[in-house]
Amino acid sequence: MSCLHILNRSPAAGLLSTAREIMSPGDALLLLEDGVFHLRQPGELAALPEGVAIGFLAEDLRARGLGNDLPAGAESLDMDDFVDLCARHDKTLSWF
């Protein structure tokens, strides 16, 4: 059973380390809103379990003035991609 983890809080909230503890291969992490600031902390993302896909909403990245030096493997998504991602996973878990 795969899970889509949706994270909208900045790294200061400390939620990624908690989420990481229950992630499994085949899960995905979607960074949106202030969650896209995690893209500036590639060490945290590299510590995710192997096989966890990382995506982010491109519009949230642009809105926060971020856009260069993104971690390898992080996938830029639009809202249609977000819907598809939700449909591909058995469940979703929001980290707000």
PDB file of N, CA and C in Angstrom:
ATOM      1  N   MET A   1       0.842  -1.179   0.000  1.00  0.00           N
ATOM      2  CA  MET A   1       0.000   0.000   0.000  1.00  0.00           C
ATOM      3  C   MET A   1       0.885   1.240   0.000  1.00  0.00           C
ATOM      4  N   SER A   2       0.741   2.081  -1.002  1.00  0.00           N
ATOM      5  CA  SER A   2       1.579   3.280  -1.072  1.00  0.00           C
ATOM      6  C   SER A   2       0.842   4.489  -0.508  1.00  0.00           C
ATOM      7  N   CYS A   3       1.639   5.419  -0.020  1.00  0.00           N
ATOM      8  CA  CYS A   3       1.080   6.617   0.604  1.00  0.00           C
ATOM      9  C   CYS A   3       1.719   7.854  -0.016  1.00  0.00           C
ATOM     10  N   LEU A   4       0.906   8.843  -0.283  1.00  0.00           N
ATOM     11  CA  LEU A   4       1.381  10.156  -0.702  1.00  0.00           C
ATOM     12  C   LEU A   4       1.422  11.037   0.534  1.00  0.00           C
ATOM     13  N   HIS A   5       2.615  11.486   0.902  1.00  0.00           N
ATOM     14  CA  HIS A   5       2.809  12.388   2.036  1.00  0.00           C
ATOM     15  C   HIS A   5       2.832  13.811   1.489  1.00  0.00           C
ATOM     16  N   ILE A   6       1.932  14.645   1.968  1.00  0.00           N
ATOM     17  CA  ILE A   6       1.820  16.029   1.500  1.00  0.00           C
ATOM     18  C   ILE A   6       2.305  16.942   2.616  1.00  0.00           C
ATOM     19  N   LEU A   7       3.353  17.702   2.336  1.00  0.00           N
ATOM     20  CA  LEU A   7       3.983  18.542   3.356  1.00  0.00           C
ATOM     21  C   LEU A   7       3.933  19.999   2.908  1.00  0.00           C
ATOM     22  N   ASN A   8       3.265  20.838   3.699  1.00  0.00           N
ATOM     23  CA  ASN A   8       3.150  22.254   3.331  1.00  0.00           C
ATOM     24  C   ASN A   8       3.862  23.184   4.299  1.00  0.00           C
ATOM     25  N   ARG A   9       4.564  22.655   5.275  1.00  0.00           N
ATOM     26  CA  ARG A   9       5.224  23.487   6.288  1.00  0.00           C
ATOM     27  C   ARG A   9       6.707  23.627   5.979  1.00  0.00           C
ATOM     28  N   SER A  10       7.288  24.715   6.405  1.00  0.00           N
ATOM     29  CA  SER A  10       8.709  24.973   6.181  1.00  0.00           C
ATOM     30  C   SER A  10       9.562  24.018   7.025  1.00  0.00           C
ATOM     31  N   PRO A  11      10.851  23.935   6.713  1.00  0.00           N
ATOM     32  CA  PRO A  11      11.730  23.077   7.513  1.00  0.00           C
ATOM     33  C   PRO A  11      11.735  23.424   8.999  1.00  0.00           C
ATOM     34  N   ALA A  12      11.470  24.672   9.344  1.00  0.00           N
ATOM     35  CA  ALA A  12      11.462  25.081  10.753  1.00  0.00           C
ATOM     36  C   ALA A  12      10.427  24.317  11.580  1.00  0.00           C
ATOM     37  N   ALA A  13       9.387  23.809  10.947  1.00  0.00           N
ATOM     38  CA  ALA A  13       8.342  23.071  11.666  1.00  0.00           C
ATOM     39  C   ALA A  13       8.807  21.688  12.108  1.00  0.00           C
ATOM     40  N   GLY A  14       9.849  21.160  11.472  1.00  0.00           N
ATOM     41  CA  GLY A  14      10.391  19.867  11.874  1.00  0.00           C
ATOM     42  C   GLY A  14       9.548  18.657  11.496  1.00  0.00           C
ATOM     43  N   LEU A  15       8.608  18.820  10.593  1.00  0.00           N
ATOM     44  CA  LEU A  15       7.702  17.714  10.265  1.00  0.00           C
ATOM     45  C   LEU A  15       8.326  16.658   9.365  1.00  0.00           C
ATOM     46  N   LEU A  16       9.317  17.041   8.556  1.00  0.00           N
ATOM     47  CA  LEU A  16       9.879  16.067   7.632  1.00  0.00           C
ATOM     48  C   LEU A  16      10.552  14.914   8.373  1.00  0.00           C
ATOM     49  N   SER A  17      11.226  15.204   9.462  1.00  0.00           N
ATOM     50  CA  SER A  17      11.882  14.123  10.200  1.00  0.00           C
ATOM     51  C   SER A  17      10.854  13.153  10.785  1.00  0.00           C
ATOM     52  N   THR A  18       9.718  13.656  11.207  1.00  0.00           N
ATOM     53  CA  THR A  18       8.653  12.790  11.715  1.00  0.00           C
ATOM     54  C   THR A  18       8.042  11.971  10.580  1.00  0.00           C
ATOM     55  N   ALA A  19       7.777  12.623   9.461  1.00  0.00           N
ATOM     56  CA  ALA A  19       7.201  11.925   8.309  1.00  0.00           C
ATOM     57  C   ALA A  19       8.139  10.836   7.806  1.00  0.00           C
ATOM     58  N   ARG A  20       9.423  11.139   7.782  1.00  0.00           N
ATOM     59  CA  ARG A  20      10.428  10.201   7.286  1.00  0.00           C
ATOM     60  C   ARG A  20      10.370   8.869   8.049  1.00  0.00           C
ATOM     61  N   GLU A  21      10.036   8.920   9.328  1.00  0.00           N
ATOM     62  CA  GLU A  21       9.999   7.711  10.159  1.00  0.00           C
ATOM     63  C   GLU A  21       8.952   6.699   9.708  1.00  0.00           C
ATOM     64  N   ILE A  22       7.904   7.162   9.035  1.00  0.00           N
ATOM     65  CA  ILE A  22       6.856   6.222   8.621  1.00  0.00           C
ATOM     66  C   ILE A  22       6.790   6.021   7.108  1.00  0.00           C
ATOM     67  N   MET A  23       7.698   6.660   6.360  1.00  0.00           N
ATOM     68  CA  MET A  23       7.720   6.488   4.910  1.00  0.00           C
ATOM     69  C   MET A  23       8.309   5.129   4.548  1.00  0.00           C
ATOM     70  N   SER A  24       7.825   4.610   3.426  1.00  0.00           N
ATOM     71  CA  SER A  24       8.283   3.310   2.920  1.00  0.00           C
ATOM     72  C   SER A  24       8.605   3.429   1.438  1.00  0.00           C
ATOM     73  N   PRO A  25       9.423   2.520   0.913  1.00  0.00           N
ATOM     74  CA  PRO A  25       9.649   2.513  -0.534  1.00  0.00           C
ATOM     75  C   PRO A  25       8.315   2.428  -1.271  1.00  0.00           C
ATOM     76  N   GLY A  26       8.190   3.188  -2.332  1.00  0.00           N
ATOM     77  CA  GLY A  26       6.944   3.245  -3.086  1.00  0.00           C
ATOM     78  C   GLY A  26       6.068   4.410  -2.693  1.00  0.00           C
ATOM     79  N   ASP A  27       6.350   5.031  -1.543  1.00  0.00           N
ATOM     80  CA  ASP A  27       5.630   6.238  -1.130  1.00  0.00           C
ATOM     81  C   ASP A  27       6.140   7.429  -1.937  1.00  0.00           C
ATOM     82  N   ALA A  28       5.454   8.543  -1.817  1.00  0.00           N
ATOM     83  CA  ALA A  28       5.880   9.778  -2.467  1.00  0.00           C
ATOM     84  C   ALA A  28       5.716  10.925  -1.480  1.00  0.00           C
ATOM     85  N   LEU A  29       6.553  11.935  -1.654  1.00  0.00           N
ATOM     86  CA  LEU A  29       6.497  13.158  -0.857  1.00  0.00           C
ATOM     87  C   LEU A  29       6.207  14.302  -1.799  1.00  0.00           C
ATOM     88  N   LEU A  30       5.143  15.037  -1.530  1.00  0.00           N
ATOM     89  CA  LEU A  30       4.809  16.224  -2.310  1.00  0.00           C
ATOM     90  C   LEU A  30       5.012  17.447  -1.439  1.00  0.00           C
ATOM     91  N   LEU A  31       5.881  18.328  -1.888  1.00  0.00           N
ATOM     92  CA  LEU A  31       6.147  19.586  -1.188  1.00  0.00           C
ATOM     93  C   LEU A  31       5.315  20.677  -1.835  1.00  0.00           C
ATOM     94  N   LEU A  32       4.530  21.363  -1.027  1.00  0.00           N
ATOM     95  CA  LEU A  32       3.738  22.466  -1.551  1.00  0.00           C
ATOM     96  C   LEU A  32       3.741  23.606  -0.551  1.00  0.00           C
ATOM     97  N   GLU A  33       3.255  24.750  -0.990  1.00  0.00           N
ATOM     98  CA  GLU A  33       3.256  25.973  -0.180  1.00  0.00           C
ATOM     99  C   GLU A  33       4.658  26.174   0.412  1.00  0.00           C
ATOM    100  N   ASP A  34       4.791  26.421   1.721  1.00  0.00           N
ATOM    101  CA  ASP A  34       6.116  26.639   2.308  1.00  0.00           C
ATOM    102  C   ASP A  34       6.951  25.362   2.393  1.00  0.00           C
ATOM    103  N   GLY A  35       6.357  24.237   2.121  1.00  0.00           N
ATOM    104  CA  GLY A  35       7.099  22.981   2.090  1.00  0.00           C
ATOM    105  C   GLY A  35       8.179  22.955   1.017  1.00  0.00           C
ATOM    106  N   VAL A  36       8.036  23.782  -0.032  1.00  0.00           N
ATOM    107  CA  VAL A  36       9.051  23.800  -1.086  1.00  0.00           C
ATOM    108  C   VAL A  36      10.403  24.282  -0.571  1.00  0.00           C
ATOM    109  N   PHE A  37      10.448  24.935   0.595  1.00  0.00           N
ATOM    110  CA  PHE A  37      11.735  25.351   1.153  1.00  0.00           C
ATOM    111  C   PHE A  37      12.609  24.150   1.535  1.00  0.00           C
ATOM    112  N   HIS A  38      12.016  22.980   1.655  1.00  0.00           N
ATOM    113  CA  HIS A  38      12.805  21.766   1.906  1.00  0.00           C
ATOM    114  C   HIS A  38      13.738  21.469   0.740  1.00  0.00           C
ATOM    115  N   LEU A  39      13.422  21.972  -0.441  1.00  0.00           N
ATOM    116  CA  LEU A  39      14.293  21.769  -1.595  1.00  0.00           C
ATOM    117  C   LEU A  39      15.641  22.449  -1.406  1.00  0.00           C
ATOM    118  N   ARG A  40      15.724  23.374  -0.485  1.00  0.00           N
ATOM    119  CA  ARG A  40      16.985  24.055  -0.168  1.00  0.00           C
ATOM    120  C   ARG A  40      17.789  23.302   0.892  1.00  0.00           C
ATOM    121  N   GLN A  41      17.257  22.169   1.340  1.00  0.00           N
ATOM    122  CA  GLN A  41      17.949  21.346   2.332  1.00  0.00           C
ATOM    123  C   GLN A  41      18.079  19.930   1.779  1.00  0.00           C
ATOM    124  N   PRO A  42      18.928  19.769   0.766  1.00  0.00           N
ATOM    125  CA  PRO A  42      19.020  18.458   0.102  1.00  0.00           C
ATOM    126  C   PRO A  42      19.467  17.334   1.025  1.00  0.00           C
ATOM    127  N   GLY A  43      20.179  17.638   2.093  1.00  0.00           N
ATOM    128  CA  GLY A  43      20.588  16.587   3.034  1.00  0.00           C
ATOM    129  C   GLY A  43      19.399  15.918   3.681  1.00  0.00           C
ATOM    130  N   GLU A  44      18.388  16.702   4.024  1.00  0.00           N
ATOM    131  CA  GLU A  44      17.164  16.142   4.618  1.00  0.00           C
ATOM    132  C   GLU A  44      16.444  15.244   3.622  1.00  0.00           C
ATOM    133  N   LEU A  45      16.382  15.696   2.373  1.00  0.00           N
ATOM    134  CA  LEU A  45      15.695  14.906   1.352  1.00  0.00           C
ATOM    135  C   LEU A  45      16.473  13.635   1.030  1.00  0.00           C
ATOM    136  N   ALA A  46      17.794  13.720   1.053  1.00  0.00           N
ATOM    137  CA  ALA A  46      18.623  12.539   0.781  1.00  0.00           C
ATOM    138  C   ALA A  46      18.454  11.483   1.868  1.00  0.00           C
ATOM    139  N   ALA A  47      18.020  11.890   3.048  1.00  0.00           N
ATOM    140  CA  ALA A  47      17.830  10.953   4.158  1.00  0.00           C
ATOM    141  C   ALA A  47      16.493  10.210   4.091  1.00  0.00           C
ATOM    142  N   LEU A  48      15.666  10.532   3.105  1.00  0.00           N
ATOM    143  CA  LEU A  48      14.401   9.803   2.953  1.00  0.00           C
ATOM    144  C   LEU A  48      14.702   8.351   2.593  1.00  0.00           C
ATOM    145  N   PRO A  49      13.809   7.454   2.941  1.00  0.00           N
ATOM    146  CA  PRO A  49      14.022   6.058   2.563  1.00  0.00           C
ATOM    147  C   PRO A  49      14.170   5.916   1.044  1.00  0.00           C
ATOM    148  N   GLU A  50      15.016   4.989   0.640  1.00  0.00           N
ATOM    149  CA  GLU A  50      15.198   4.738  -0.785  1.00  0.00           C
ATOM    150  C   GLU A  50      13.869   4.334  -1.397  1.00  0.00           C
ATOM    151  N   GLY A  51      13.589   4.848  -2.575  1.00  0.00           N
ATOM    152  CA  GLY A  51      12.352   4.503  -3.261  1.00  0.00           C
ATOM    153  C   GLY A  51      11.197   5.440  -2.980  1.00  0.00           C
ATOM    154  N   VAL A  52      11.436   6.529  -2.231  1.00  0.00           N
ATOM    155  CA  VAL A  52      10.398   7.545  -1.998  1.00  0.00           C
ATOM    156  C   VAL A  52      10.585   8.638  -3.048  1.00  0.00           C
ATOM    157  N   ALA A  53       9.578   8.843  -3.872  1.00  0.00           N
ATOM    158  CA  ALA A  53       9.623   9.869  -4.914  1.00  0.00           C
ATOM    159  C   ALA A  53       9.368  11.246  -4.296  1.00  0.00           C
ATOM    160  N   ILE A  54      10.040  12.260  -4.827  1.00  0.00           N
ATOM    161  CA  ILE A  54       9.894  13.628  -4.326  1.00  0.00           C
ATOM    162  C   ILE A  54       9.354  14.502  -5.449  1.00  0.00           C
ATOM    163  N   GLY A  55       8.277  15.211  -5.159  1.00  0.00           N
ATOM    164  CA  GLY A  55       7.706  16.155  -6.112  1.00  0.00           C
ATOM    165  C   GLY A  55       7.414  17.468  -5.413  1.00  0.00           C
ATOM    166  N   PHE A  56       7.256  18.500  -6.205  1.00  0.00           N
ATOM    167  CA  PHE A  56       6.917  19.816  -5.658  1.00  0.00           C
ATOM    168  C   PHE A  56       6.035  20.551  -6.654  1.00  0.00           C
ATOM    169  N   LEU A  57       5.196  21.440  -6.136  1.00  0.00           N
ATOM    170  CA  LEU A  57       4.354  22.246  -7.012  1.00  0.00           C
ATOM    171  C   LEU A  57       5.176  23.408  -7.551  1.00  0.00           C
ATOM    172  N   ALA A  58       5.307  23.454  -8.863  1.00  0.00           N
ATOM    173  CA  ALA A  58       6.124  24.478  -9.526  1.00  0.00           C
ATOM    174  C   ALA A  58       5.622  25.885  -9.212  1.00  0.00           C
ATOM    175  N   GLU A  59       4.314  26.058  -9.118  1.00  0.00           N
ATOM    176  CA  GLU A  59       3.785  27.400  -8.853  1.00  0.00           C
ATOM    177  C   GLU A  59       4.162  27.890  -7.460  1.00  0.00           C
ATOM    178  N   ASP A  60       4.256  26.974  -6.490  1.00  0.00           N
ATOM    179  CA  ASP A  60       4.666  27.362  -5.143  1.00  0.00           C
ATOM    180  C   ASP A  60       6.153  27.703  -5.102  1.00  0.00           C
ATOM    181  N   LEU A  61       6.936  26.990  -5.883  1.00  0.00           N
ATOM    182  CA  LEU A  61       8.367  27.280  -5.973  1.00  0.00           C
ATOM    183  C   LEU A  61       8.584  28.683  -6.545  1.00  0.00           C
ATOM    184  N   ARG A  62       7.898  28.984  -7.637  1.00  0.00           N
ATOM    185  CA  ARG A  62       8.014  30.316  -8.266  1.00  0.00           C
ATOM    186  C   ARG A  62       7.512  31.417  -7.342  1.00  0.00           C
ATOM    187  N   ALA A  63       6.415  31.164  -6.637  1.00  0.00           N
ATOM    188  CA  ALA A  63       5.842  32.180  -5.756  1.00  0.00           C
ATOM    189  C   ALA A  63       6.782  32.556  -4.619  1.00  0.00           C
ATOM    190  N   ARG A  64       7.682  31.655  -4.278  1.00  0.00           N
ATOM    191  CA  ARG A  64       8.623  31.920  -3.189  1.00  0.00           C
ATOM    192  C   ARG A  64      10.006  32.304  -3.689  1.00  0.00           C
ATOM    193  N   GLY A  65      10.121  32.543  -4.995  1.00  0.00           N
ATOM    194  CA  GLY A  65      11.365  33.012  -5.564  1.00  0.00           C
ATOM    195  C   GLY A  65      12.461  31.968  -5.617  1.00  0.00           C
ATOM    196  N   LEU A  66      12.093  30.710  -5.561  1.00  0.00           N
ATOM    197  CA  LEU A  66      13.071  29.620  -5.641  1.00  0.00           C
ATOM    198  C   LEU A  66      13.046  29.059  -7.056  1.00  0.00           C
ATOM    199  N   GLY A  67      14.121  28.505  -7.493  1.00  0.00           N
ATOM    200  CA  GLY A  67      14.067  27.936  -8.830  1.00  0.00           C
ATOM    201  C   GLY A  67      15.356  27.359  -9.338  1.00  0.00           C
ATOM    202  N   ASN A  68      16.462  27.624  -8.709  1.00  0.00           N
ATOM    203  CA  ASN A  68      17.743  27.080  -9.157  1.00  0.00           C
ATOM    204  C   ASN A  68      18.272  26.097  -8.137  1.00  0.00           C
ATOM    205  N   ASP A  69      19.203  25.277  -8.584  1.00  0.00           N
ATOM    206  CA  ASP A  69      19.888  24.330  -7.696  1.00  0.00           C
ATOM    207  C   ASP A  69      18.922  23.403  -6.965  1.00  0.00           C
ATOM    208  N   LEU A  70      18.017  22.795  -7.698  1.00  0.00           N
ATOM    209  CA  LEU A  70      17.083  21.846  -7.095  1.00  0.00           C
ATOM    210  C   LEU A  70      17.741  20.483  -6.961  1.00  0.00           C
ATOM    211  N   PRO A  71      17.393  19.742  -5.939  1.00  0.00           N
ATOM    212  CA  PRO A  71      17.986  18.412  -5.762  1.00  0.00           C
ATOM    213  C   PRO A  71      17.659  17.494  -6.945  1.00  0.00           C
ATOM    214  N   ALA A  72      18.617  16.671  -7.302  1.00  0.00           N
ATOM    215  CA  ALA A  72      18.393  15.695  -8.372  1.00  0.00           C
ATOM    216  C   ALA A  72      17.242  14.778  -7.981  1.00  0.00           C
ATOM    217  N   GLY A  73      16.397  14.498  -8.933  1.00  0.00           N
ATOM    218  CA  GLY A  73      15.297  13.579  -8.689  1.00  0.00           C
ATOM    219  C   GLY A  73      14.006  14.225  -8.224  1.00  0.00           C
ATOM    220  N   ALA A  74      14.049  15.492  -7.828  1.00  0.00           N
ATOM    221  CA  ALA A  74      12.819  16.177  -7.417  1.00  0.00           C
ATOM    222  C   ALA A  74      12.055  16.567  -8.679  1.00  0.00           C
ATOM    223  N   GLU A  75      10.791  16.213  -8.719  1.00  0.00           N
ATOM    224  CA  GLU A  75       9.986  16.403  -9.924  1.00  0.00           C
ATOM    225  C   GLU A  75       9.060  17.616  -9.793  1.00  0.00           C
ATOM    226  N   SER A  76       9.119  18.469 -10.789  1.00  0.00           N
ATOM    227  CA  SER A  76       8.246  19.638 -10.852  1.00  0.00           C
ATOM    228  C   SER A  76       6.856  19.202 -11.320  1.00  0.00           C
ATOM    229  N   LEU A  77       5.823  19.612 -10.581  1.00  0.00           N
ATOM    230  CA  LEU A  77       4.450  19.204 -10.875  1.00  0.00           C
ATOM    231  C   LEU A  77       3.528  20.414 -10.979  1.00  0.00           C
ATOM    232  N   ASP A  78       2.485  20.269 -11.788  1.00  0.00           N
ATOM    233  CA  ASP A  78       1.425  21.272 -11.812  1.00  0.00           C
ATOM    234  C   ASP A  78       0.199  20.669 -11.121  1.00  0.00           C
ATOM    235  N   MET A  79      -0.898  21.377 -11.120  1.00  0.00           N
ATOM    236  CA  MET A  79      -2.086  20.898 -10.392  1.00  0.00           C
ATOM    237  C   MET A  79      -2.660  19.612 -10.989  1.00  0.00           C
ATOM    238  N   ASP A  80      -2.613  19.469 -12.301  1.00  0.00           N
ATOM    239  CA  ASP A  80      -3.090  18.217 -12.909  1.00  0.00           C
ATOM    240  C   ASP A  80      -2.224  17.045 -12.465  1.00  0.00           C
ATOM    241  N   ASP A  81      -0.913  17.267 -12.394  1.00  0.00           N
ATOM    242  CA  ASP A  81      -0.002  16.221 -11.911  1.00  0.00           C
ATOM    243  C   ASP A  81      -0.313  15.867 -10.455  1.00  0.00           C
ATOM    244  N   PHE A  82      -0.662  16.873  -9.664  1.00  0.00           N
ATOM    245  CA  PHE A  82      -1.017  16.669  -8.258  1.00  0.00           C
ATOM    246  C   PHE A  82      -2.207  15.714  -8.154  1.00  0.00           C
ATOM    247  N   VAL A  83      -3.211  15.940  -8.956  1.00  0.00           N
ATOM    248  CA  VAL A  83      -4.394  15.075  -8.956  1.00  0.00           C
ATOM    249  C   VAL A  83      -4.011  13.655  -9.360  1.00  0.00           C
ATOM    250  N   ASP A  84      -3.198  13.524 -10.411  1.00  0.00           N
ATOM    251  CA  ASP A  84      -2.751  12.199 -10.847  1.00  0.00           C
ATOM    252  C   ASP A  84      -1.966  11.485  -9.746  1.00  0.00           C
ATOM    253  N   LEU A  85      -1.115  12.237  -9.050  1.00  0.00           N
ATOM    254  CA  LEU A  85      -0.319  11.669  -7.968  1.00  0.00           C
ATOM    255  C   LEU A  85      -1.214  11.127  -6.855  1.00  0.00           C
ATOM    256  N   CYS A  86      -2.247  11.880  -6.521  1.00  0.00           N
ATOM    257  CA  CYS A  86      -3.203  11.418  -5.496  1.00  0.00           C
ATOM    258  C   CYS A  86      -3.886  10.123  -5.926  1.00  0.00           C
ATOM    259  N   ALA A  87      -4.244  10.038  -7.197  1.00  0.00           N
ATOM    260  CA  ALA A  87      -4.941   8.856  -7.694  1.00  0.00           C
ATOM    261  C   ALA A  87      -4.037   7.630  -7.761  1.00  0.00           C
ATOM    262  N   ARG A  88      -2.733   7.825  -7.892  1.00  0.00           N
ATOM    263  CA  ARG A  88      -1.795   6.704  -8.001  1.00  0.00           C
ATOM    264  C   ARG A  88      -1.490   6.046  -6.660  1.00  0.00           C
ATOM    265  N   HIS A  89      -1.787   6.721  -5.573  1.00  0.00           N
ATOM    266  CA  HIS A  89      -1.463   6.178  -4.252  1.00  0.00           C
ATOM    267  C   HIS A  89      -2.725   5.725  -3.536  1.00  0.00           C
ATOM    268  N   ASP A  90      -2.543   4.723  -2.689  1.00  0.00           N
ATOM    269  CA  ASP A  90      -3.682   4.150  -1.974  1.00  0.00           C
ATOM    270  C   ASP A  90      -4.260   5.096  -0.926  1.00  0.00           C
ATOM    271  N   LYS A  91      -3.385   5.904  -0.343  1.00  0.00           N
ATOM    272  CA  LYS A  91      -3.841   6.846   0.679  1.00  0.00           C
ATOM    273  C   LYS A  91      -2.954   8.084   0.652  1.00  0.00           C
ATOM    274  N   THR A  92      -3.443   9.132   1.292  1.00  0.00           N
ATOM    275  CA  THR A  92      -2.667  10.367   1.433  1.00  0.00           C
ATOM    276  C   THR A  92      -2.591  10.721   2.919  1.00  0.00           C
ATOM    277  N   LEU A  93      -1.496  11.358   3.252  1.00  0.00           N
ATOM    278  CA  LEU A  93      -1.290  11.817   4.631  1.00  0.00           C
ATOM    279  C   LEU A  93      -0.755  13.232   4.545  1.00  0.00           C
ATOM    280  N   SER A  94      -1.497  14.170   5.106  1.00  0.00           N
ATOM    281  CA  SER A  94      -1.095  15.585   5.068  1.00  0.00           C
ATOM    282  C   SER A  94      -0.357  15.956   6.336  1.00  0.00           C
ATOM    283  N   TRP A  95       0.780  16.596   6.165  1.00  0.00           N
ATOM    284  CA  TRP A  95       1.612  17.071   7.273  1.00  0.00           C
ATOM    285  C   TRP A  95       1.490  18.573   7.303  1.00  0.00           C
ATOM    286  N   PHE A  96       0.538  19.076   8.109  1.00  0.00           N
ATOM    287  CA  PHE A  96       0.262  20.516   8.189  1.00  0.00           C
ATOM    288  C   PHE A  96       0.519  21.013   9.592  1.00  0.00           C
TER     289      PHE A  96
END
